[in-house]
Amino acid sequence: MLNTGLRVGEAAALKWSDYDRENKTILIFTTLIRTKDENGKYIVEEQESVKTKNSERVLKLNAKAIEAIEAVPENSNSDFIFCANNGKPLRLRNIQNKLDAILGRAGIPHKSTHVFRHTYASKLFAKGIVNSVMKLSKKGG
C-alpha cells in the first residue's frame, strides 16, 4: 500500500489476473468491504466497484511494489494475490491488527492503514511526479 497508494480494500481485492507482469501494472476495479450477513455477523465481500469512478484505474508499479508482489507465492486455492492460507481474501481487520502489532513492537502508536495512502501521496508531491491535487486525485483514485 505504501508503494501504490491503494486503499486497504483495493489491495486485499487484488487478484493475479489484475497483475500484468509484462507491463508492470495492476488493474484496480474491485474492493473488499466489511459488511454484516443476514445473521448480523461481520463478513468480507468483494464489491465489483471501487469507491469512486476515478478509483478505477491501471496503476504503474514501482520496483518495490513489483518486488513485494513477486515475493508472494501463488496459492493454487485462490485467485487473490494476498490471501489467507485457506485461499480466502485477507480480512481487513486482520490487516489493521497486524499493522498495530508491528507498530507496537516499534513503540509507535496506532496508525490506520490509510496512512500509507497519505504517505504515498506525499512522496508523489515531493518527487514532483504530481504537482496538483487534481492530478493526485486521478493518479491515486
C-alpha atoms as a PDB file:
ATOM      1  CA  MET A   1       0.000   0.000   0.000  1.00  0.00           C
ATOM      2  CA  LEU A   2       2.918   2.283   0.740  1.00  0.00           C
ATOM      3  CA  ASN A   3       4.248   1.965  -2.817  1.00  0.00           C
ATOM      4  CA  THR A   4       0.909   2.072  -4.614  1.00  0.00           C
ATOM      5  CA  GLY A   5      -1.404   4.370  -2.662  1.00  0.00           C
ATOM      6  CA  LEU A   6      -4.077   1.682  -2.673  1.00  0.00           C
ATOM      7  CA  ARG A   7      -6.872   1.645  -0.145  1.00  0.00           C
ATOM      8  CA  VAL A   8      -6.733  -1.434   2.087  1.00  0.00           C
ATOM      9  CA  GLY A   9      -9.825  -2.941   0.439  1.00  0.00           C
ATOM     10  CA  GLU A  10      -8.346  -2.402  -3.038  1.00  0.00           C
ATOM     11  CA  ALA A  11      -5.071  -4.085  -2.054  1.00  0.00           C
ATOM     12  CA  ALA A  12      -6.868  -7.020  -0.428  1.00  0.00           C
ATOM     13  CA  ALA A  13      -9.054  -7.475  -3.530  1.00  0.00           C
ATOM     14  CA  LEU A  14      -6.117  -7.786  -5.954  1.00  0.00           C
ATOM     15  CA  LYS A  15      -6.117 -10.975  -7.995  1.00  0.00           C
ATOM     16  CA  TRP A  16      -3.336 -12.476 -10.058  1.00  0.00           C
ATOM     17  CA  SER A  17      -5.392 -11.695 -13.167  1.00  0.00           C
ATOM     18  CA  ASP A  18      -5.177  -7.974 -12.224  1.00  0.00           C
ATOM     19  CA  TYR A  19      -1.384  -8.093 -12.298  1.00  0.00           C
ATOM     20  CA  ASP A  20       0.336  -7.551 -15.654  1.00  0.00           C
ATOM     21  CA  ARG A  21       3.921  -8.735 -15.199  1.00  0.00           C
ATOM     22  CA  GLU A  22       4.981  -7.656 -18.671  1.00  0.00           C
ATOM     23  CA  ASN A  23       3.749  -4.065 -18.366  1.00  0.00           C
ATOM     24  CA  LYS A  24       4.366  -3.883 -14.596  1.00  0.00           C
ATOM     25  CA  THR A  25       0.847  -2.681 -13.833  1.00  0.00           C
ATOM     26  CA  ILE A  26      -2.144  -3.638 -11.728  1.00  0.00           C
ATOM     27  CA  LEU A  27      -5.776  -3.108 -12.631  1.00  0.00           C
ATOM     28  CA  ILE A  28      -7.890  -1.625  -9.842  1.00  0.00           C
ATOM     29  CA  PHE A  29     -11.619  -2.138 -10.290  1.00  0.00           C
ATOM     30  CA  THR A  30     -12.814  -4.068  -7.238  1.00  0.00           C
ATOM     31  CA  THR A  31     -12.551  -3.667  -3.493  1.00  0.00           C
ATOM     32  CA  LEU A  32     -13.269  -5.733  -0.427  1.00  0.00           C
ATOM     33  CA  ILE A  33     -15.748  -4.372   2.060  1.00  0.00           C
ATOM     34  CA  ARG A  34     -16.700  -5.386   5.578  1.00  0.00           C
ATOM     35  CA  THR A  35     -20.419  -5.893   5.955  1.00  0.00           C
ATOM     36  CA  LYS A  36     -22.892  -7.922   8.013  1.00  0.00           C
ATOM     37  CA  ASP A  37     -24.589 -11.079   6.807  1.00  0.00           C
ATOM     38  CA  GLU A  38     -28.261 -11.904   7.426  1.00  0.00           C
ATOM     39  CA  ASN A  39     -27.351 -13.105  10.961  1.00  0.00           C
ATOM     40  CA  GLY A  40     -25.562  -9.877  11.846  1.00  0.00           C
ATOM     41  CA  LYS A  41     -22.101 -11.465  11.627  1.00  0.00           C
ATOM     42  CA  TYR A  42     -19.349  -9.408  10.013  1.00  0.00           C
ATOM     43  CA  ILE A  43     -18.099 -10.796   6.706  1.00  0.00           C
ATOM     44  CA  VAL A  44     -15.796  -9.606   3.944  1.00  0.00           C
ATOM     45  CA  GLU A  45     -17.335  -9.318   0.479  1.00  0.00           C
ATOM     46  CA  GLU A  46     -15.882  -8.472  -2.889  1.00  0.00           C
ATOM     47  CA  GLN A  47     -17.524  -5.398  -4.372  1.00  0.00           C
ATOM     48  CA  GLU A  48     -17.363  -5.139  -8.164  1.00  0.00           C
ATOM     49  CA  SER A  49     -16.791  -1.411  -7.968  1.00  0.00           C
ATOM     50  CA  VAL A  50     -14.387   0.882  -6.209  1.00  0.00           C
ATOM     51  CA  LYS A  51     -15.029   3.974  -4.095  1.00  0.00           C
ATOM     52  CA  THR A  52     -15.309   6.462  -6.983  1.00  0.00           C
ATOM     53  CA  LYS A  53     -15.243   6.407 -10.778  1.00  0.00           C
ATOM     54  CA  ASN A  54     -11.672   7.784 -10.694  1.00  0.00           C
ATOM     55  CA  SER A  55     -10.763   4.854  -8.438  1.00  0.00           C
ATOM     56  CA  GLU A  56     -10.996   2.506 -11.432  1.00  0.00           C
ATOM     57  CA  ARG A  57      -7.508   2.682 -12.839  1.00  0.00           C
ATOM     58  CA  VAL A  58      -4.440   0.972 -14.194  1.00  0.00           C
ATOM     59  CA  LEU A  59      -1.543   1.647 -11.866  1.00  0.00           C
ATOM     60  CA  LYS A  60       2.079   1.517 -12.969  1.00  0.00           C
ATOM     61  CA  LEU A  61       4.083  -0.271 -10.290  1.00  0.00           C
ATOM     62  CA  ASN A  62       7.416   0.871  -8.919  1.00  0.00           C
ATOM     63  CA  ALA A  63      10.259  -1.591  -8.285  1.00  0.00           C
ATOM     64  CA  LYS A  64       9.422  -2.053  -4.595  1.00  0.00           C
ATOM     65  CA  ALA A  65       5.768  -2.836  -5.330  1.00  0.00           C
ATOM     66  CA  ILE A  66       6.787  -5.367  -8.000  1.00  0.00           C
ATOM     67  CA  GLU A  67       9.248  -6.944  -5.583  1.00  0.00           C
ATOM     68  CA  ALA A  68       6.543  -7.250  -2.913  1.00  0.00           C
ATOM     69  CA  ILE A  69       4.059  -8.885  -5.306  1.00  0.00           C
ATOM     70  CA  GLU A  70       6.659 -11.218  -6.795  1.00  0.00           C
ATOM     71  CA  ALA A  71       7.629 -12.358  -3.272  1.00  0.00           C
ATOM     72  CA  VAL A  72       4.106 -13.694  -2.696  1.00  0.00           C
ATOM     73  CA  PRO A  73       3.803 -17.379  -3.642  1.00  0.00           C
ATOM     74  CA  GLU A  74       0.810 -18.124  -5.831  1.00  0.00           C
ATOM     75  CA  ASN A  75      -1.779 -20.115  -3.877  1.00  0.00           C
ATOM     76  CA  SER A  76      -3.422 -22.733  -6.076  1.00  0.00           C
ATOM     77  CA  ASN A  77      -6.538 -22.447  -3.887  1.00  0.00           C
ATOM     78  CA  SER A  78      -7.016 -18.740  -4.566  1.00  0.00           C
ATOM     79  CA  ASP A  79      -7.153 -16.097  -7.269  1.00  0.00           C
ATOM     80  CA  PHE A  80      -6.206 -13.444  -4.690  1.00  0.00           C
ATOM     81  CA  ILE A  81      -2.611 -12.208  -4.534  1.00  0.00           C
ATOM     82  CA  PHE A  82      -2.831 -11.597  -0.787  1.00  0.00           C
ATOM     83  CA  CYS A  83      -4.836 -14.346   0.881  1.00  0.00           C
ATOM     84  CA  ALA A  84      -5.069 -16.446   3.995  1.00  0.00           C
ATOM     85  CA  ASN A  85      -3.700 -19.998   3.986  1.00  0.00           C
ATOM     86  CA  ASN A  86      -7.178 -21.281   3.139  1.00  0.00           C
ATOM     87  CA  GLY A  87      -7.211 -19.167  -0.052  1.00  0.00           C
ATOM     88  CA  LYS A  88      -9.834 -16.717   1.202  1.00  0.00           C
ATOM     89  CA  PRO A  89      -9.128 -12.997   0.975  1.00  0.00           C
ATOM     90  CA  LEU A  90      -7.474 -11.396   3.962  1.00  0.00           C
ATOM     91  CA  ARG A  91      -9.869  -9.912   6.482  1.00  0.00           C
ATOM     92  CA  LEU A  92      -9.474  -6.146   6.519  1.00  0.00           C
ATOM     93  CA  ARG A  93      -9.482  -6.088  10.318  1.00  0.00           C
ATOM     94  CA  ASN A  94      -6.636  -8.634  10.404  1.00  0.00           C
ATOM     95  CA  ILE A  95      -4.529  -6.358   8.192  1.00  0.00           C
ATOM     96  CA  GLN A  96      -5.040  -3.496  10.650  1.00  0.00           C
ATOM     97  CA  ASN A  97      -4.334  -5.794  13.603  1.00  0.00           C
ATOM     98  CA  LYS A  98      -1.040  -6.908  12.041  1.00  0.00           C
ATOM     99  CA  LEU A  99      -0.062  -3.284  11.433  1.00  0.00           C
ATOM    100  CA  ASP A 100      -0.920  -2.425  15.044  1.00  0.00           C
ATOM    101  CA  ALA A 101       1.282  -5.292  16.284  1.00  0.00           C
ATOM    102  CA  ILE A 102       4.237  -4.171  14.142  1.00  0.00           C
ATOM    103  CA  LEU A 103       3.839  -0.553  15.228  1.00  0.00           C
ATOM    104  CA  GLY A 104       3.507  -1.610  18.864  1.00  0.00           C
ATOM    105  CA  ARG A 105       6.790  -3.552  18.733  1.00  0.00           C
ATOM    106  CA  ALA A 106       8.438  -0.436  17.296  1.00  0.00           C
ATOM    107  CA  GLY A 107       6.964   1.770  20.027  1.00  0.00           C
ATOM    108  CA  ILE A 108       4.802   3.683  17.531  1.00  0.00           C
ATOM    109  CA  PRO A 109       1.170   4.471  18.433  1.00  0.00           C
ATOM    110  CA  HIS A 110      -1.760   3.178  16.375  1.00  0.00           C
ATOM    111  CA  LYS A 111      -1.974   4.355  12.768  1.00  0.00           C
ATOM    112  CA  SER A 112      -4.679   3.446  10.289  1.00  0.00           C
ATOM    113  CA  THR A 113      -3.697   1.535   7.152  1.00  0.00           C
ATOM    114  CA  HIS A 114      -4.850   4.672   5.336  1.00  0.00           C
ATOM    115  CA  VAL A 115      -1.647   6.401   6.489  1.00  0.00           C
ATOM    116  CA  PHE A 116       0.160   4.535   3.692  1.00  0.00           C
ATOM    117  CA  ARG A 117      -2.091   6.202   1.135  1.00  0.00           C
ATOM    118  CA  HIS A 118      -1.259   9.639   2.539  1.00  0.00           C
ATOM    119  CA  THR A 119       2.464   8.846   2.630  1.00  0.00           C
ATOM    120  CA  TYR A 120       2.331   7.699  -0.999  1.00  0.00           C
ATOM    121  CA  ALA A 121       0.664  10.972  -1.975  1.00  0.00           C
ATOM    122  CA  SER A 122       3.292  12.979  -0.090  1.00  0.00           C
ATOM    123  CA  LYS A 123       6.059  11.066  -1.879  1.00  0.00           C
ATOM    124  CA  LEU A 124       4.492  11.861  -5.268  1.00  0.00           C
ATOM    125  CA  PHE A 125       4.410  15.565  -4.431  1.00  0.00           C
ATOM    126  CA  ALA A 126       7.966  15.547  -3.041  1.00  0.00           C
ATOM    127  CA  LYS A 127       9.350  13.873  -6.169  1.00  0.00           C
ATOM    128  CA  GLY A 128       7.447  16.228  -8.468  1.00  0.00           C
ATOM    129  CA  ILE A 129       5.521  13.352 -10.067  1.00  0.00           C
ATOM    130  CA  VAL A 130       2.299  15.251  -9.447  1.00  0.00           C
ATOM    131  CA  ASN A 131       2.063  18.965  -8.837  1.00  0.00           C
ATOM    132  CA  SER A 132      -1.629  19.487  -8.156  1.00  0.00           C
ATOM    133  CA  VAL A 133      -4.367  17.940  -6.060  1.00  0.00           C
ATOM    134  CA  MET A 134      -6.391  17.231  -9.233  1.00  0.00           C
ATOM    135  CA  LYS A 135      -3.542  15.219 -10.778  1.00  0.00           C
ATOM    136  CA  LEU A 136      -3.009  13.410  -7.484  1.00  0.00           C
ATOM    137  CA  SER A 137      -6.707  12.576  -7.288  1.00  0.00           C
ATOM    138  CA  LYS A 138      -6.612  11.000 -10.756  1.00  0.00           C
ATOM    139  CA  LYS A 139      -3.390   9.077 -10.069  1.00  0.00           C
ATOM    140  CA  GLY A 140      -4.424   7.853  -6.642  1.00  0.00           C
ATOM    141  CA  GLY A 141      -8.045   7.111  -7.398  1.00  0.00           C
END
